[in-house]
Amino acid sequence: MKKIIEITHVSFVLVCFLLSIVVQASQKLAYINTGKVFHVLPQREIILRQMQEEFKDKVAELETIQLDLKIKIEKLKRDAELLSLDETERLRIEISQLDSKYKIKAQALEKASALREVEEKKKLFEVIQDAVKKVAKEENYDLIIDVKALSYAKSEYDISEKVIKILK
C-alpha cells in the first residue's frame, strides 16, 4: 500500500512538472532595456532643448544676480577701509539681500525645472510603453519584463532594438 501511494505521489509530481514545461514552452517571453531606449529617443533631445529655452530667462536672471553679488563682495573687500561705517553696513545689507534673493530664485527654478522634467519623462515613458505594446502585439509576446527586474537573460530575448526602430 505504501509503495502504491509513493508511486502515485511520484507520478503526480512528474506529471505536474511536465505540464509546467509544456505551459512554459507555449509562452513567448522578452525583456526590454527601457533606460537604453529612453537615452536614444530623438524626442528626448528636442524636449531638452525646449526646456532649456523655457528656463533660459530665469537662468539669465540668476546669472545677473550672481554677477551683481560678486561685484558687491569684491567692492566690499577692496574698499572696506575707504568706506564709512554706514556705507560698509549698507553694502553688507545689499549683499545679504542679493544672496537671499539668489537662493530663493535658484530654489524656485530648481523645483520648476525638476517638476517639468518629471512631466516630460512621464510622457516619454508612455511613448516607450506604447511602442512596447505594439511590438508585443505584432510578435505575440505573452510577457515583456524590464531588464531591471531580471537577474539574467539571454540577449536573444532583448527587444530593445525593435522598440527603438519603431520610435525612430
Protein backbone atom coordinates (compact mmCIF):
# COMPACT_ATOMS: atom_id res chain seq x y z
CA MET A 1 0.00 0.00 0.00
CA LYS A 2 2.82 2.38 0.90
CA LYS A 3 4.54 1.54 -2.35
CA ILE A 4 1.40 2.39 -4.38
CA ILE A 5 0.98 5.74 -2.59
CA GLU A 6 4.63 6.54 -3.15
CA ILE A 7 4.44 5.64 -6.87
CA THR A 8 1.24 7.70 -7.22
CA HIS A 9 2.88 10.65 -5.49
CA VAL A 10 5.98 10.49 -7.71
CA SER A 11 3.79 10.13 -10.81
CA PHE A 12 1.73 13.16 -9.79
CA VAL A 13 4.86 15.29 -9.26
CA LEU A 14 6.27 14.14 -12.60
CA VAL A 15 3.01 14.97 -14.43
CA CYS A 16 2.89 18.42 -12.80
CA PHE A 17 6.49 19.05 -13.80
CA LEU A 18 5.86 18.02 -17.40
CA LEU A 19 2.72 20.16 -17.58
CA SER A 20 4.62 23.19 -16.32
CA ILE A 21 7.26 22.65 -19.02
CA VAL A 22 4.55 22.47 -21.70
CA VAL A 23 2.89 25.64 -20.39
CA GLN A 24 6.21 27.48 -20.24
CA ALA A 25 7.14 26.38 -23.73
CA SER A 26 3.96 27.89 -25.12
CA GLN A 27 4.64 31.33 -23.61
CA LYS A 28 6.66 33.87 -25.54
CA LEU A 29 8.81 36.00 -23.24
CA ALA A 30 11.07 39.01 -23.79
CA TYR A 31 12.72 41.84 -21.94
CA ILE A 32 13.44 45.48 -22.69
CA ASN A 33 16.13 47.87 -21.53
CA THR A 34 13.91 50.91 -21.00
CA GLY A 35 16.84 53.11 -19.96
CA LYS A 36 18.69 52.36 -23.18
CA VAL A 37 15.59 53.10 -25.25
CA PHE A 38 14.99 56.33 -23.32
CA HIS A 39 18.52 57.62 -23.95
CA VAL A 40 18.36 57.13 -27.72
CA LEU A 41 14.95 58.73 -28.20
CA PRO A 42 15.16 61.65 -30.62
CA GLN A 43 12.24 63.29 -28.76
CA ARG A 44 14.40 63.42 -25.63
CA GLU A 45 16.85 65.87 -27.23
CA ILE A 46 14.03 68.01 -28.56
CA ILE A 47 12.39 68.21 -25.14
CA LEU A 48 15.74 69.01 -23.51
CA ARG A 49 16.24 71.95 -25.88
CA GLN A 50 12.66 73.13 -25.28
CA MET A 51 13.21 73.07 -21.53
CA GLN A 52 16.48 74.98 -21.85
CA GLU A 53 14.67 77.58 -23.94
CA GLU A 54 11.79 77.69 -21.46
CA PHE A 55 14.04 78.36 -18.48
CA LYS A 56 16.75 80.47 -20.15
CA ASP A 57 15.33 83.81 -18.92
CA LYS A 58 15.28 82.62 -15.32
CA VAL A 59 18.81 81.24 -15.65
CA ALA A 60 19.97 84.56 -17.11
CA GLU A 61 18.33 86.41 -14.21
CA LEU A 62 20.17 84.18 -11.74
CA GLU A 63 23.46 84.79 -13.54
CA THR A 64 22.86 88.56 -13.36
CA ILE A 65 22.14 88.39 -9.63
CA GLN A 66 25.23 86.24 -9.11
CA LEU A 67 27.42 88.69 -11.05
CA ASP A 68 26.00 91.65 -9.13
CA LEU A 69 26.64 89.79 -5.88
CA LYS A 70 30.23 89.05 -6.88
CA ILE A 71 30.86 92.70 -7.80
CA LYS A 72 29.50 93.95 -4.47
CA ILE A 73 31.53 91.41 -2.47
CA GLU A 74 34.69 92.43 -4.34
CA LYS A 75 33.91 96.10 -3.73
CA LEU A 76 33.43 95.43 -0.01
CA LYS A 77 36.75 93.57 0.21
CA ARG A 78 38.62 96.10 -1.90
CA ASP A 79 37.19 99.32 -0.44
CA ALA A 80 36.36 98.27 3.13
CA GLU A 81 38.97 100.61 4.62
CA LEU A 82 37.93 103.54 2.43
CA LEU A 83 34.17 103.29 3.05
CA SER A 84 32.44 104.83 6.02
CA LEU A 85 30.80 102.59 8.58
CA ASP A 86 27.33 103.39 7.18
CA GLU A 87 28.42 102.65 3.60
CA THR A 88 30.01 99.37 4.68
CA GLU A 89 26.86 98.36 6.55
CA ARG A 90 24.64 99.35 3.60
CA LEU A 91 26.82 97.26 1.24
CA ARG A 92 26.67 94.26 3.58
CA ILE A 93 22.87 94.55 3.72
CA GLU A 94 22.71 94.71 -0.10
CA ILE A 95 24.94 91.64 -0.33
CA SER A 96 22.77 89.77 2.15
CA GLN A 97 19.59 90.73 0.30
CA LEU A 98 21.06 89.72 -3.06
CA ASP A 99 22.23 86.42 -1.60
CA SER A 100 18.75 85.71 -0.22
CA LYS A 101 17.13 86.71 -3.50
CA TYR A 102 19.53 84.44 -5.41
CA LYS A 103 18.86 81.46 -3.14
CA ILE A 104 15.07 81.87 -3.35
CA LYS A 105 15.06 82.24 -7.14
CA ALA A 106 17.54 79.37 -7.60
CA GLN A 107 15.42 77.09 -5.44
CA ALA A 108 12.25 78.06 -7.32
CA LEU A 109 13.97 77.43 -10.66
CA GLU A 110 15.27 74.07 -9.48
CA LYS A 111 11.81 72.98 -8.33
CA ALA A 112 10.10 74.17 -11.52
CA SER A 113 12.75 72.52 -13.67
CA ALA A 114 12.55 69.23 -11.75
CA LEU A 115 8.75 69.20 -11.96
CA ARG A 116 8.82 69.89 -15.69
CA GLU A 117 11.45 67.18 -16.20
CA VAL A 118 9.29 64.63 -14.37
CA GLU A 119 6.28 65.56 -16.53
CA GLU A 120 8.27 65.20 -19.74
CA LYS A 121 9.89 61.92 -18.67
CA LYS A 122 6.45 60.54 -17.90
CA LYS A 123 5.28 61.44 -21.40
CA LEU A 124 8.34 59.82 -22.97
CA PHE A 125 7.95 56.63 -20.96
CA GLU A 126 4.32 56.47 -22.10
CA VAL A 127 5.56 56.70 -25.70
CA ILE A 128 8.03 53.87 -24.99
CA GLN A 129 5.28 51.82 -23.36
CA ASP A 130 3.06 52.25 -26.42
CA ALA A 131 5.90 51.05 -28.66
CA VAL A 132 6.48 48.04 -26.38
CA LYS A 133 2.78 47.16 -26.61
CA LYS A 134 2.96 47.45 -30.39
CA VAL A 135 5.93 45.04 -30.55
CA ALA A 136 4.17 42.69 -28.13
CA LYS A 137 1.03 42.60 -30.28
CA GLU A 138 2.88 42.28 -33.60
CA GLU A 139 5.09 39.43 -32.38
CA ASN A 140 2.61 37.79 -29.99
CA TYR A 141 4.60 38.16 -26.78
CA ASP A 142 2.90 36.95 -23.62
CA LEU A 143 5.19 38.76 -21.21
CA ILE A 144 7.74 41.58 -21.52
CA ILE A 145 9.83 42.47 -18.49
CA ASP A 146 12.12 45.44 -17.89
CA VAL A 147 15.79 44.50 -17.67
CA LYS A 148 15.99 46.00 -14.16
CA ALA A 149 13.72 43.23 -12.90
CA LEU A 150 15.98 40.48 -14.23
CA SER A 151 18.99 38.76 -12.77
CA TYR A 152 19.91 37.12 -16.05
CA ALA A 153 18.50 36.71 -19.54
CA LYS A 154 19.90 35.77 -22.91
CA SER A 155 20.38 38.67 -25.29
CA GLU A 156 18.17 36.95 -27.87
CA TYR A 157 15.16 37.86 -25.69
CA ASP A 158 16.01 41.59 -25.74
CA ILE A 159 13.50 43.58 -27.81
CA SER A 160 15.03 47.00 -27.10
CA GLU A 161 16.28 47.46 -30.68
CA LYS A 162 12.86 46.58 -32.10
CA VAL A 163 11.27 49.23 -29.89
CA ILE A 164 13.93 51.78 -30.88
CA LYS A 165 13.22 51.13 -34.58
CA ILE A 166 9.52 51.81 -34.01
CA LEU A 167 10.27 55.06 -32.17
CA LYS A 168 12.66 56.49 -34.79
